[in-house]
Amino acid sequence: MKTEVRAVAERLLGEPIDELEQIARSSNHVFRLTTVAGVRYSLRVPLLRPDRLSAYWQQLRDTFGLRYGTQLGHVGPLAERIARAGIVAAPRPVASGPFLETTAYIFSWVDGEAWEPDEFPDSAEVHEQLGRYLATLHADGSRLEGFGTLEHQPFDPGGLIARANRSMATIVESYWTHRPDVVAFLEDRIVRTDPDALAAAPAPIMPDVSANQFVYDGARIAGVVDLDSYVAGPRELELTVAELCLTRPDDFRRGYEEILPLPRFEAFRTYWRFSQMINDLDDQPDLTEYLTTRIHFA
């Protein structure tokens, strides 16, 4: 594959590539490019097929209308917002073009050290910075018309939750029928939850936010490097997932509340945690433990 990647990168950039290294393989093949002139870029090629998505990407498609494989072509305005905020760096779209049966996307390089765990490093500065970063984007939702993708927001809160319920029901029916506890919880609790308690104002959010989607410079976040799954969604969803990844929640709260008050989690935590748990098809978590672990906020 490297030969083909080098060829498409040189065609899109219009200059020769000196070094090419694959650095990640998850939802995308991710490569680091260095040109002969010494400029570094990242190149992403979607790994999944639109007709064979993971449970997570199915949820994003069915709930928010996100189109896997093309969504990276729409993250330019988001990268600009992040850059204007000045809290962390973000990759800037540089070029894109056809590659085999999909599209290759080239972004500017963001310097920093990778971090593998989902949990954020045990650093007060990292957590305060993360809190400010999320809150700044959450406060920047006034230009969004509703819920959906970053470029199209056709859903009101009731429509969003109805779509989320249907998506969760589809995933449970496809992958979880061997777990009567999960099936019963969906039917008895999730679909009966009051939509008014779950969705407030839309904001740019990363529904699977975790520490490994950022890079670090010592005890601070240098940049966010994964813009793939940002949607116009409820901040409560992102906060629920972030809570699972915090190691210094008080520092996160301090950073977040420099921008916005932190909402009360009791009304929405269970719903959004369940929505994330059913995507974990490999580990098959214990339901009660997943819903009750790492509760940091009231």
C-alpha atoms as a PDB file:
ATOM      1  CA  MET A   1       0.000   0.000   0.000  1.00  0.00           C
ATOM      2  CA  LYS A   2       2.916   2.364   0.673  1.00  0.00           C
ATOM      3  CA  THR A   3       3.763   2.635  -2.991  1.00  0.00           C
ATOM      4  CA  GLU A   4       0.232   3.746  -3.822  1.00  0.00           C
ATOM      5  CA  VAL A   5       0.158   6.166  -0.867  1.00  0.00           C
ATOM      6  CA  ARG A   6       3.435   7.760  -1.929  1.00  0.00           C
ATOM      7  CA  ALA A   7       2.130   8.174  -5.472  1.00  0.00           C
ATOM      8  CA  VAL A   8      -1.155   9.823  -4.441  1.00  0.00           C
ATOM      9  CA  ALA A   9       0.616  12.062  -1.901  1.00  0.00           C
ATOM     10  CA  GLU A  10       3.101  13.296  -4.484  1.00  0.00           C
ATOM     11  CA  ARG A  11       0.290  13.905  -6.958  1.00  0.00           C
ATOM     12  CA  LEU A  12      -1.813  15.860  -4.446  1.00  0.00           C
ATOM     13  CA  LEU A  13       1.076  17.873  -2.998  1.00  0.00           C
ATOM     14  CA  GLY A  14       2.898  18.389  -6.275  1.00  0.00           C
ATOM     15  CA  GLU A  15       6.287  17.570  -4.720  1.00  0.00           C
ATOM     16  CA  PRO A  16       8.306  14.443  -3.974  1.00  0.00           C
ATOM     17  CA  ILE A  17       8.007  12.535  -0.689  1.00  0.00           C
ATOM     18  CA  ASP A  18      11.243  11.745   1.132  1.00  0.00           C
ATOM     19  CA  GLU A  19       9.871   9.705   4.064  1.00  0.00           C
ATOM     20  CA  LEU A  20       6.608   7.769   4.473  1.00  0.00           C
ATOM     21  CA  GLU A  21       5.583   5.904   7.637  1.00  0.00           C
ATOM     22  CA  GLN A  22       2.287   4.358   8.691  1.00  0.00           C
ATOM     23  CA  ILE A  23       1.670   5.492  12.271  1.00  0.00           C
ATOM     24  CA  ALA A  24      -1.845   4.259  13.034  1.00  0.00           C
ATOM     25  CA  ARG A  25      -4.576   1.920  11.854  1.00  0.00           C
ATOM     26  CA  SER A  26      -8.039   2.262  13.357  1.00  0.00           C
ATOM     27  CA  SER A  27     -10.923   3.780  11.413  1.00  0.00           C
ATOM     28  CA  ASN A  28      -8.290   5.061   9.000  1.00  0.00           C
ATOM     29  CA  HIS A  29      -4.878   4.147   7.724  1.00  0.00           C
ATOM     30  CA  VAL A  30      -2.803   7.090   8.994  1.00  0.00           C
ATOM     31  CA  PHE A  31       0.576   7.959   7.482  1.00  0.00           C
ATOM     32  CA  ARG A  32       3.221  10.550   8.303  1.00  0.00           C
ATOM     33  CA  LEU A  33       4.709  12.150   5.207  1.00  0.00           C
ATOM     34  CA  THR A  34       7.897  14.189   4.967  1.00  0.00           C
ATOM     35  CA  THR A  35       8.641  15.956   1.713  1.00  0.00           C
ATOM     36  CA  VAL A  36      12.098  16.412   0.255  1.00  0.00           C
ATOM     37  CA  ALA A  37      11.827  20.027   1.412  1.00  0.00           C
ATOM     38  CA  GLY A  38      11.377  18.780   5.006  1.00  0.00           C
ATOM     39  CA  VAL A  39       7.675  19.635   5.460  1.00  0.00           C
ATOM     40  CA  ARG A  40       5.613  17.052   7.342  1.00  0.00           C
ATOM     41  CA  TYR A  41       1.991  16.122   6.730  1.00  0.00           C
ATOM     42  CA  SER A  42      -0.447  13.435   7.827  1.00  0.00           C
ATOM     43  CA  LEU A  43      -2.405  11.416   5.298  1.00  0.00           C
ATOM     44  CA  ARG A  44      -5.580   9.496   6.128  1.00  0.00           C
ATOM     45  CA  VAL A  45      -7.295   6.813   4.098  1.00  0.00           C
ATOM     46  CA  PRO A  46     -10.649   5.454   5.367  1.00  0.00           C
ATOM     47  CA  LEU A  47     -10.254   1.829   6.406  1.00  0.00           C
ATOM     48  CA  LEU A  48     -13.885   0.715   6.705  1.00  0.00           C
ATOM     49  CA  ARG A  49     -16.398   0.284   3.920  1.00  0.00           C
ATOM     50  CA  PRO A  50     -19.658   2.292   4.066  1.00  0.00           C
ATOM     51  CA  ASP A  51     -21.644  -0.968   3.861  1.00  0.00           C
ATOM     52  CA  ARG A  52     -19.576  -2.645   6.613  1.00  0.00           C
ATOM     53  CA  LEU A  53     -19.301  -0.105   9.408  1.00  0.00           C
ATOM     54  CA  SER A  54     -18.481  -0.749  13.048  1.00  0.00           C
ATOM     55  CA  ALA A  55     -21.243  -0.296  15.625  1.00  0.00           C
ATOM     56  CA  TYR A  56     -19.815   3.124  16.535  1.00  0.00           C
ATOM     57  CA  TRP A  57     -19.878   4.422  12.968  1.00  0.00           C
ATOM     58  CA  GLN A  58     -23.333   2.924  12.458  1.00  0.00           C
ATOM     59  CA  GLN A  59     -24.539   4.991  15.407  1.00  0.00           C
ATOM     60  CA  LEU A  60     -23.042   8.185  14.017  1.00  0.00           C
ATOM     61  CA  ARG A  61     -24.609   7.531  10.634  1.00  0.00           C
ATOM     62  CA  ASP A  62     -28.040   6.604  11.970  1.00  0.00           C
ATOM     63  CA  THR A  63     -28.207   9.233  14.728  1.00  0.00           C
ATOM     64  CA  PHE A  64     -26.468  12.254  13.203  1.00  0.00           C
ATOM     65  CA  GLY A  65     -26.411  11.463   9.490  1.00  0.00           C
ATOM     66  CA  LEU A  66     -22.602  11.328   9.362  1.00  0.00           C
ATOM     67  CA  ARG A  67     -21.336   9.771   6.126  1.00  0.00           C
ATOM     68  CA  TYR A  68     -18.261   7.689   6.862  1.00  0.00           C
ATOM     69  CA  GLY A  69     -15.581   8.028   4.227  1.00  0.00           C
ATOM     70  CA  THR A  70     -16.461  11.584   3.215  1.00  0.00           C
ATOM     71  CA  GLN A  71     -16.724  13.375   6.578  1.00  0.00           C
ATOM     72  CA  LEU A  72     -13.060  14.388   6.565  1.00  0.00           C
ATOM     73  CA  GLY A  73     -13.789  16.610   3.615  1.00  0.00           C
ATOM     74  CA  HIS A  74     -15.907  18.870   5.830  1.00  0.00           C
ATOM     75  CA  VAL A  75     -13.677  19.507   8.861  1.00  0.00           C
ATOM     76  CA  GLY A  76     -11.978  22.674   7.564  1.00  0.00           C
ATOM     77  CA  PRO A  77     -14.286  25.130   9.371  1.00  0.00           C
ATOM     78  CA  LEU A  78     -13.940  23.130  12.599  1.00  0.00           C
ATOM     79  CA  ALA A  79     -10.143  23.221  12.367  1.00  0.00           C
ATOM     80  CA  GLU A  80     -10.369  26.995  11.890  1.00  0.00           C
ATOM     81  CA  ARG A  81     -12.567  27.354  14.997  1.00  0.00           C
ATOM     82  CA  ILE A  82     -10.094  25.340  17.047  1.00  0.00           C
ATOM     83  CA  ALA A  83      -7.202  27.428  15.759  1.00  0.00           C
ATOM     84  CA  ARG A  84      -9.011  30.677  16.598  1.00  0.00           C
ATOM     85  CA  ALA A  85      -9.640  29.488  20.152  1.00  0.00           C
ATOM     86  CA  GLY A  86      -5.887  29.016  20.590  1.00  0.00           C
ATOM     87  CA  ILE A  87      -6.166  26.313  23.265  1.00  0.00           C
ATOM     88  CA  VAL A  88      -4.800  23.385  21.248  1.00  0.00           C
ATOM     89  CA  ALA A  89      -3.469  23.020  17.706  1.00  0.00           C
ATOM     90  CA  ALA A  90      -5.496  21.216  15.030  1.00  0.00           C
ATOM     91  CA  PRO A  91      -4.598  19.695  11.663  1.00  0.00           C
ATOM     92  CA  ARG A  92      -5.452  21.934   8.705  1.00  0.00           C
ATOM     93  CA  PRO A  93      -6.855  20.307   5.552  1.00  0.00           C
ATOM     94  CA  VAL A  94      -4.314  20.598   2.729  1.00  0.00           C
ATOM     95  CA  ALA A  95      -5.507  18.395  -0.156  1.00  0.00           C
ATOM     96  CA  SER A  96      -7.667  15.388  -0.974  1.00  0.00           C
ATOM     97  CA  GLY A  97      -8.277  13.182  -3.968  1.00  0.00           C
ATOM     98  CA  PRO A  98      -9.362   9.754  -5.192  1.00  0.00           C
ATOM     99  CA  PHE A  99      -7.372   6.816  -3.879  1.00  0.00           C
ATOM    100  CA  LEU A 100      -8.209   3.253  -4.932  1.00  0.00           C
ATOM    101  CA  GLU A 101     -11.928   2.895  -4.096  1.00  0.00           C
ATOM    102  CA  THR A 102     -12.009   5.722  -1.554  1.00  0.00           C
ATOM    103  CA  THR A 103     -10.429   9.148  -0.908  1.00  0.00           C
ATOM    104  CA  ALA A 104      -7.080  10.162   0.562  1.00  0.00           C
ATOM    105  CA  TYR A 105      -6.992  13.236   2.815  1.00  0.00           C
ATOM    106  CA  ILE A 106      -3.825  15.189   3.559  1.00  0.00           C
ATOM    107  CA  PHE A 107      -3.571  17.443   6.625  1.00  0.00           C
ATOM    108  CA  SER A 108      -0.893  19.637   8.099  1.00  0.00           C
ATOM    109  CA  TRP A 109       1.209  17.925  10.761  1.00  0.00           C
ATOM    110  CA  VAL A 110       0.600  18.592  14.469  1.00  0.00           C
ATOM    111  CA  ASP A 111       3.678  18.118  16.632  1.00  0.00           C
ATOM    112  CA  GLY A 112       3.398  16.256  19.909  1.00  0.00           C
ATOM    113  CA  GLU A 113       3.807  12.906  21.644  1.00  0.00           C
ATOM    114  CA  ALA A 114       1.124  10.260  21.160  1.00  0.00           C
ATOM    115  CA  TRP A 115      -0.689   8.764  24.152  1.00  0.00           C
ATOM    116  CA  GLU A 116      -2.289   5.297  23.961  1.00  0.00           C
ATOM    117  CA  PRO A 117      -4.660   4.931  26.950  1.00  0.00           C
ATOM    118  CA  ASP A 118      -8.215   6.305  26.877  1.00  0.00           C
ATOM    119  CA  GLU A 119      -7.588   7.936  30.274  1.00  0.00           C
ATOM    120  CA  PHE A 120      -5.960  11.355  30.215  1.00  0.00           C
ATOM    121  CA  PRO A 121      -2.495  11.770  31.762  1.00  0.00           C
ATOM    122  CA  ASP A 122      -2.377  12.539  35.476  1.00  0.00           C
ATOM    123  CA  SER A 123      -1.724  16.229  34.948  1.00  0.00           C
ATOM    124  CA  ALA A 124      -3.636  19.192  36.337  1.00  0.00           C
ATOM    125  CA  GLU A 125      -2.683  21.303  33.324  1.00  0.00           C
ATOM    126  CA  VAL A 126      -3.894  18.685  30.851  1.00  0.00           C
ATOM    127  CA  HIS A 127      -7.268  18.421  32.572  1.00  0.00           C
ATOM    128  CA  GLU A 128      -7.769  22.172  32.922  1.00  0.00           C
ATOM    129  CA  GLN A 129      -6.794  22.617  29.285  1.00  0.00           C
ATOM    130  CA  LEU A 130      -9.168  19.841  28.205  1.00  0.00           C
ATOM    131  CA  GLY A 131     -11.982  21.453  30.173  1.00  0.00           C
ATOM    132  CA  ARG A 132     -11.377  24.831  28.528  1.00  0.00           C
ATOM    133  CA  TYR A 133     -11.154  23.222  25.096  1.00  0.00           C
ATOM    134  CA  LEU A 134     -14.443  21.328  25.365  1.00  0.00           C
ATOM    135  CA  ALA A 135     -16.276  24.237  26.953  1.00  0.00           C
ATOM    136  CA  THR A 136     -15.055  26.658  24.287  1.00  0.00           C
ATOM    137  CA  LEU A 137     -16.475  24.451  21.540  1.00  0.00           C
ATOM    138  CA  HIS A 138     -19.651  23.867  23.551  1.00  0.00           C
ATOM    139  CA  ALA A 139     -20.123  27.629  23.829  1.00  0.00           C
ATOM    140  CA  ASP A 140     -19.584  27.953  20.078  1.00  0.00           C
ATOM    141  CA  GLY A 141     -22.791  26.182  19.039  1.00  0.00           C
ATOM    142  CA  SER A 142     -24.883  29.298  18.409  1.00  0.00           C
ATOM    143  CA  ARG A 143     -24.211  29.114  14.660  1.00  0.00           C
ATOM    144  CA  LEU A 144     -25.617  25.564  14.487  1.00  0.00           C
ATOM    145  CA  GLU A 145     -29.254  25.263  13.465  1.00  0.00           C
ATOM    146  CA  GLY A 146     -29.914  21.934  15.173  1.00  0.00           C
ATOM    147  CA  PHE A 147     -28.419  18.463  15.509  1.00  0.00           C
ATOM    148  CA  GLY A 148     -26.723  16.534  12.725  1.00  0.00           C
ATOM    149  CA  THR A 149     -23.382  16.890  10.979  1.00  0.00           C
ATOM    150  CA  LEU A 150     -21.160  19.952  11.074  1.00  0.00           C
ATOM    151  CA  GLU A 151     -22.366  20.978   7.616  1.00  0.00           C
ATOM    152  CA  HIS A 152     -26.076  20.033   7.934  1.00  0.00           C
ATOM    153  CA  GLN A 153     -28.239  20.108  11.090  1.00  0.00           C
ATOM    154  CA  PRO A 154     -31.803  18.985  10.264  1.00  0.00           C
ATOM    155  CA  PHE A 155     -32.821  17.415  13.610  1.00  0.00           C
ATOM    156  CA  ASP A 156     -34.510  18.951  16.645  1.00  0.00           C
ATOM    157  CA  PRO A 157     -34.002  17.410  20.117  1.00  0.00           C
ATOM    158  CA  GLY A 158     -36.994  15.094  19.828  1.00  0.00           C
ATOM    159  CA  GLY A 159     -35.929  13.919  16.394  1.00  0.00           C
ATOM    160  CA  LEU A 160     -32.361  13.349  17.564  1.00  0.00           C
ATOM    161  CA  ILE A 161     -33.389  11.152  20.488  1.00  0.00           C
ATOM    162  CA  ALA A 162     -35.858   9.188  18.362  1.00  0.00           C
ATOM    163  CA  ARG A 163     -33.045   8.486  15.893  1.00  0.00           C
ATOM    164  CA  ALA A 164     -30.652   7.567  18.713  1.00  0.00           C
ATOM    165  CA  ASN A 165     -33.208   5.140  20.181  1.00  0.00           C
ATOM    166  CA  ARG A 166     -33.726   3.441  16.822  1.00  0.00           C
ATOM    167  CA  SER A 167     -29.987   3.197  16.264  1.00  0.00           C
ATOM    168  CA  MET A 168     -29.382   1.629  19.666  1.00  0.00           C
ATOM    169  CA  ALA A 169     -32.235  -0.828  19.099  1.00  0.00           C
ATOM    170  CA  THR A 170     -30.685  -1.880  15.774  1.00  0.00           C
ATOM    171  CA  ILE A 171     -27.247  -2.430  17.340  1.00  0.00           C
ATOM    172  CA  VAL A 172     -28.668  -4.378  20.288  1.00  0.00           C
ATOM    173  CA  GLU A 173     -30.707  -6.563  17.927  1.00  0.00           C
ATOM    174  CA  SER A 174     -27.636  -7.174  15.749  1.00  0.00           C
ATOM    175  CA  TYR A 175     -24.997  -7.817  18.411  1.00  0.00           C
ATOM    176  CA  TRP A 176     -26.437  -8.148  21.932  1.00  0.00           C
ATOM    177  CA  THR A 177     -29.347 -10.610  21.874  1.00  0.00           C
ATOM    178  CA  HIS A 178     -27.168 -13.054  23.875  1.00  0.00           C
ATOM    179  CA  ARG A 179     -27.270 -10.533  26.755  1.00  0.00           C
ATOM    180  CA  PRO A 180     -30.815 -10.438  28.220  1.00  0.00           C
ATOM    181  CA  ASP A 181     -29.726  -7.730  30.671  1.00  0.00           C
ATOM    182  CA  VAL A 182     -28.770  -5.395  27.824  1.00  0.00           C
ATOM    183  CA  VAL A 183     -31.956  -6.119  25.858  1.00  0.00           C
ATOM    184  CA  ALA A 184     -34.132  -5.528  28.933  1.00  0.00           C
ATOM    185  CA  PHE A 185     -32.328  -2.316  29.856  1.00  0.00           C
ATOM    186  CA  LEU A 186     -32.855  -0.927  26.375  1.00  0.00           C
ATOM    187  CA  GLU A 187     -36.569  -1.722  26.450  1.00  0.00           C
ATOM    188  CA  ASP A 188     -37.273  -0.802  30.087  1.00  0.00           C
ATOM    189  CA  ARG A 189     -35.020   2.221  30.597  1.00  0.00           C
ATOM    190  CA  ILE A 190     -33.435   3.660  27.495  1.00  0.00           C
ATOM    191  CA  VAL A 191     -36.382   4.047  25.138  1.00  0.00           C
ATOM    192  CA  ARG A 192     -38.523   5.334  28.022  1.00  0.00           C
ATOM    193  CA  THR A 193     -36.136   8.152  28.949  1.00  0.00           C
ATOM    194  CA  ASP A 194     -37.574  11.667  28.676  1.00  0.00           C
ATOM    195  CA  PRO A 195     -35.972  13.288  25.582  1.00  0.00           C
ATOM    196  CA  ASP A 196     -36.114  16.693  27.297  1.00  0.00           C
ATOM    197  CA  ALA A 197     -33.555  15.458  29.831  1.00  0.00           C
ATOM    198  CA  LEU A 198     -31.081  14.366  27.177  1.00  0.00           C
ATOM    199  CA  ALA A 199     -30.607  16.985  24.493  1.00  0.00           C
ATOM    200  CA  ALA A 200     -30.061  20.678  25.048  1.00  0.00           C
ATOM    201  CA  ALA A 201     -28.360  23.064  22.622  1.00  0.00           C
ATOM    202  CA  PRO A 202     -26.204  21.586  19.839  1.00  0.00           C
ATOM    203  CA  ALA A 203     -22.443  22.064  19.831  1.00  0.00           C
ATOM    204  CA  PRO A 204     -19.446  20.679  17.954  1.00  0.00           C
ATOM    205  CA  ILE A 205     -18.678  17.481  19.877  1.00  0.00           C
ATOM    206  CA  MET A 206     -16.486  14.388  19.552  1.00  0.00           C
ATOM    207  CA  PRO A 207     -18.765  11.506  20.663  1.00  0.00           C
ATOM    208  CA  ASP A 208     -15.823   9.197  21.417  1.00  0.00           C
ATOM    209  CA  VAL A 209     -13.547  11.785  23.032  1.00  0.00           C
ATOM    210  CA  SER A 210     -10.563  10.171  24.762  1.00  0.00           C
ATOM    211  CA  ALA A 211      -6.942  10.919  25.567  1.00  0.00           C
ATOM    212  CA  ASN A 212      -5.517   9.086  22.561  1.00  0.00           C
ATOM    213  CA  GLN A 213      -7.138  11.548  20.148  1.00  0.00           C
ATOM    214  CA  PHE A 214      -4.738  14.244  21.296  1.00  0.00           C
ATOM    215  CA  VAL A 215      -0.963  14.665  21.289  1.00  0.00           C
ATOM    216  CA  TYR A 216       1.035  16.075  24.181  1.00  0.00           C
ATOM    217  CA  ASP A 217       3.980  18.310  24.949  1.00  0.00           C
ATOM    218  CA  GLY A 218       5.132  17.395  28.418  1.00  0.00           C
ATOM    219  CA  ALA A 219       2.359  18.134  30.901  1.00  0.00           C
ATOM    220  CA  ARG A 220       0.062  19.872  28.430  1.00  0.00           C
ATOM    221  CA  ILE A 221      -2.032  19.039  25.367  1.00  0.00           C
ATOM    222  CA  ALA A 222      -0.258  20.110  22.204  1.00  0.00           C
ATOM    223  CA  GLY A 223      -3.055  19.389  19.755  1.00  0.00           C
ATOM    224  CA  VAL A 224      -6.109  17.403  18.752  1.00  0.00           C
ATOM    225  CA  VAL A 225      -5.332  15.066  15.864  1.00  0.00           C
ATOM    226  CA  ASP A 226      -8.588  13.175  15.330  1.00  0.00           C
ATOM    227  CA  LEU A 227     -11.341  15.262  13.723  1.00  0.00           C
ATOM    228  CA  ASP A 228     -13.072  12.294  12.064  1.00  0.00           C
ATOM    229  CA  SER A 229     -16.212  11.968  14.132  1.00  0.00           C
ATOM    230  CA  TYR A 230     -17.112  15.500  15.187  1.00  0.00           C
ATOM    231  CA  VAL A 231     -20.845  16.153  14.854  1.00  0.00           C
ATOM    232  CA  ALA A 232     -23.361  18.785  15.863  1.00  0.00           C
ATOM    233  CA  GLY A 233     -24.558  17.018  18.984  1.00  0.00           C
ATOM    234  CA  PRO A 234     -25.546  17.535  22.615  1.00  0.00           C
ATOM    235  CA  ARG A 235     -22.637  18.516  24.836  1.00  0.00           C
ATOM    236  CA  GLU A 236     -24.031  16.064  27.399  1.00  0.00           C
ATOM    237  CA  LEU A 237     -22.971  13.152  25.191  1.00  0.00           C
ATOM    238  CA  GLU A 238     -19.375  14.336  24.966  1.00  0.00           C
ATOM    239  CA  LEU A 239     -19.228  15.141  28.669  1.00  0.00           C
ATOM    240  CA  THR A 240     -20.529  11.673  29.555  1.00  0.00           C
ATOM    241  CA  VAL A 241     -17.759  10.007  27.550  1.00  0.00           C
ATOM    242  CA  ALA A 242     -15.109  12.427  28.804  1.00  0.00           C
ATOM    243  CA  GLU A 243     -16.045  11.629  32.421  1.00  0.00           C
ATOM    244  CA  LEU A 244     -15.006   8.005  31.833  1.00  0.00           C
ATOM    245  CA  CYS A 245     -11.525   9.160  30.758  1.00  0.00           C
ATOM    246  CA  LEU A 246     -10.685  11.685  33.480  1.00  0.00           C
ATOM    247  CA  THR A 247      -8.065  11.075  36.149  1.00  0.00           C
ATOM    248  CA  ARG A 248      -8.270  14.592  37.692  1.00  0.00           C
ATOM    249  CA  PRO A 249     -11.962  15.569  37.531  1.00  0.00           C
ATOM    250  CA  ASP A 250     -11.655  18.602  39.804  1.00  0.00           C
ATOM    251  CA  ASP A 251      -9.068  20.121  37.487  1.00  0.00           C
ATOM    252  CA  PHE A 252     -11.279  19.392  34.477  1.00  0.00           C
ATOM    253  CA  ARG A 253     -14.211  21.129  36.189  1.00  0.00           C
ATOM    254  CA  ARG A 254     -12.050  24.149  36.989  1.00  0.00           C
ATOM    255  CA  GLY A 255     -11.014  24.505  33.355  1.00  0.00           C
ATOM    256  CA  TYR A 256     -14.496  23.897  31.973  1.00  0.00           C
ATOM    257  CA  GLU A 257     -16.139  26.369  34.321  1.00  0.00           C
ATOM    258  CA  GLU A 258     -13.823  29.152  33.211  1.00  0.00           C
ATOM    259  CA  ILE A 259     -16.084  29.142  30.136  1.00  0.00           C
ATOM    260  CA  LEU A 260     -19.414  27.472  31.032  1.00  0.00           C
ATOM    261  CA  PRO A 261     -21.103  25.995  34.113  1.00  0.00           C
ATOM    262  CA  LEU A 262     -20.805  22.211  34.173  1.00  0.00           C
ATOM    263  CA  PRO A 263     -24.301  20.658  33.928  1.00  0.00           C
ATOM    264  CA  ARG A 264     -25.666  18.075  36.334  1.00  0.00           C
ATOM    265  CA  PHE A 265     -24.923  14.605  34.987  1.00  0.00           C
ATOM    266  CA  GLU A 266     -27.612  12.549  36.731  1.00  0.00           C
ATOM    267  CA  ALA A 267     -30.299  13.208  34.127  1.00  0.00           C
ATOM    268  CA  PHE A 268     -28.322  12.098  31.079  1.00  0.00           C
ATOM    269  CA  ARG A 269     -25.364   9.936  32.170  1.00  0.00           C
ATOM    270  CA  THR A 270     -27.079   6.527  31.998  1.00  0.00           C
ATOM    271  CA  TYR A 271     -28.561   7.098  28.550  1.00  0.00           C
ATOM    272  CA  TRP A 272     -25.380   8.239  26.858  1.00  0.00           C
ATOM    273  CA  ARG A 273     -23.193   5.698  28.667  1.00  0.00           C
ATOM    274  CA  PHE A 274     -25.438   2.908  27.433  1.00  0.00           C
ATOM    275  CA  SER A 275     -25.185   4.271  23.896  1.00  0.00           C
ATOM    276  CA  GLN A 276     -21.391   3.997  24.105  1.00  0.00           C
ATOM    277  CA  MET A 277     -21.263   0.651  25.913  1.00  0.00           C
ATOM    278  CA  ILE A 278     -23.104  -1.220  23.175  1.00  0.00           C
ATOM    279  CA  ASN A 279     -20.370  -0.206  20.712  1.00  0.00           C
ATOM    280  CA  ASP A 280     -17.797  -2.196  22.707  1.00  0.00           C
ATOM    281  CA  LEU A 281     -18.321  -5.503  20.964  1.00  0.00           C
ATOM    282  CA  ASP A 282     -14.871  -6.898  21.815  1.00  0.00           C
ATOM    283  CA  ASP A 283     -14.863  -6.471  25.592  1.00  0.00           C
ATOM    284  CA  GLN A 284     -18.608  -7.012  26.182  1.00  0.00           C
ATOM    285  CA  PRO A 285     -18.579  -4.951  29.419  1.00  0.00           C
ATOM    286  CA  ASP A 286     -20.657  -5.735  32.474  1.00  0.00           C
ATOM    287  CA  LEU A 287     -23.682  -3.446  32.233  1.00  0.00           C
ATOM    288  CA  THR A 288     -23.945  -2.387  35.867  1.00  0.00           C
ATOM    289  CA  GLU A 289     -20.210  -1.802  36.222  1.00  0.00           C
ATOM    290  CA  TYR A 290     -20.037   0.280  33.044  1.00  0.00           C
ATOM    291  CA  LEU A 291     -22.939   2.469  34.096  1.00  0.00           C
ATOM    292  CA  THR A 292     -21.602   3.095  37.595  1.00  0.00           C
ATOM    293  CA  THR A 293     -17.809   3.287  37.271  1.00  0.00           C
ATOM    294  CA  ARG A 294     -15.862   6.567  37.282  1.00  0.00           C
ATOM    295  CA  ILE A 295     -18.742   8.766  38.375  1.00  0.00           C
ATOM    296  CA  HIS A 296     -17.087  12.080  39.157  1.00  0.00           C
ATOM    297  CA  PHE A 297     -19.893  14.639  38.823  1.00  0.00           C
ATOM    298  CA  ALA A 298     -23.327  14.899  40.403  1.00  0.00           C
END
